[in-house]
Amino acid sequence: MIGSLLLAMSTTLLPQSPQPQRVAPLIPEQHFAPVTVPFDYFNRHIFITITLNGTPGMVFLLDSGTSSNILSMNTAITMGLQPVSVQQQKGLGLGSGKVYVAAAKDIDARIGDIEIANLMAVIDLKDLEHRFGHRIDGILGFPFLKNFVVELDFNKHLLTLMPSKKYSYRGPGDMLYLTSRSKATSIPVMVSTVDHTQRQIKVEVDTGSDVTLLLYPQFVHGAHLEGIFPNKSQQQAYGLGGYFLMQYGVLNTLLMGRTEASHLIIFKMLSEPIATRSGFAGVIGTSLLDQFGKVVFDVPRGHIILEMNPVNQVSANRPAVPAIP
């Protein structure tokens, strides 16, 4: 775990914002050669540089757990996209602060020559940007992943964008099927406690969170897993709605397909999130994902592929992240 600020945005659901007069059409199926771009892996978060309305160098956070593509309100104003119908929302997503949401904007977002998004909600991200210590012009969320195959190479810090049509994975990775390809990048995993109690749960794979595994308190209580979190030490985390508290513990094993992580440091959210997707026990974040050489989001076909790094086996009976003092 890097630092004490964790961006956990996977449970954030945008409110119903006023709609623009013209709704941008869905991005059509495109035929193009794969495009590879570097990403900045800052404090276990993925930032890519895109072109927005013809302006290059715009920095976007890749967050598979966010249900909309988002444009920073400050960036929108700077580019002459004056937000309208701004609403103040309290208690949106994780944290207890206020979030400002404006009507969605028609835009032209591209990686190279490939159009990746044409509609974004406008949200005030200045507090998030300040707390995180990194420029954030916007967020690419689940709608981005729905249209393409996206490969993340954590060894080389490269993102490869591929057309979903005719894509076929032929590597050595473990293919995990999504429990819902239309709403979220959720997968079934098996958790085992020290007393060897096993439970299959549904979690969201969230590139916007730097945790290993974050469990929601309602699930922890209902599954009688409070014993995993005996340590009363708390950590602060930060989301769209401001700060919230977490408590950490140790899970005996976490099984994802054929890959097992042992003695894994995990977290419990101490307050119930304002909005969660029904049936989810929590989220898996980048502190676990980056232990793999590659992670491929093939949402159009309904699966995520985890490709092991031969020199860094997650299942080698060691924590996936350093122990927290």
Foldseek 3Di string as FASTA:
>chain_A
DPDQAKADFLQFADDDADADPDDDDQDDFDDDDKDKDFWDCALLWTWDWKAKQNRTGAIATEKASYQFWEFEQVLCVVVVNHFPPWDWAAQGWPAGAIKIWGYKDAIFIGDVPHGQDGIHIYIHCPVVCVVRVHDHRIYDYNSSLQQWKWKAFLVRRMIMTHGLPPDDDDDPWFKFFAPDLPGARKGWKWFAAPVRDIDIAIAGAIASTAFAWEFEPVLCVVVVVVVQFPDPDWGWYAYSRGIFIKTKGWTQWMGDRPAIAGREIHIYTPDGRPGGDPRHGTYGYSLNLSLFRMWMRSSNVGIIITHHDVVRGNRPRDYSDDDDD
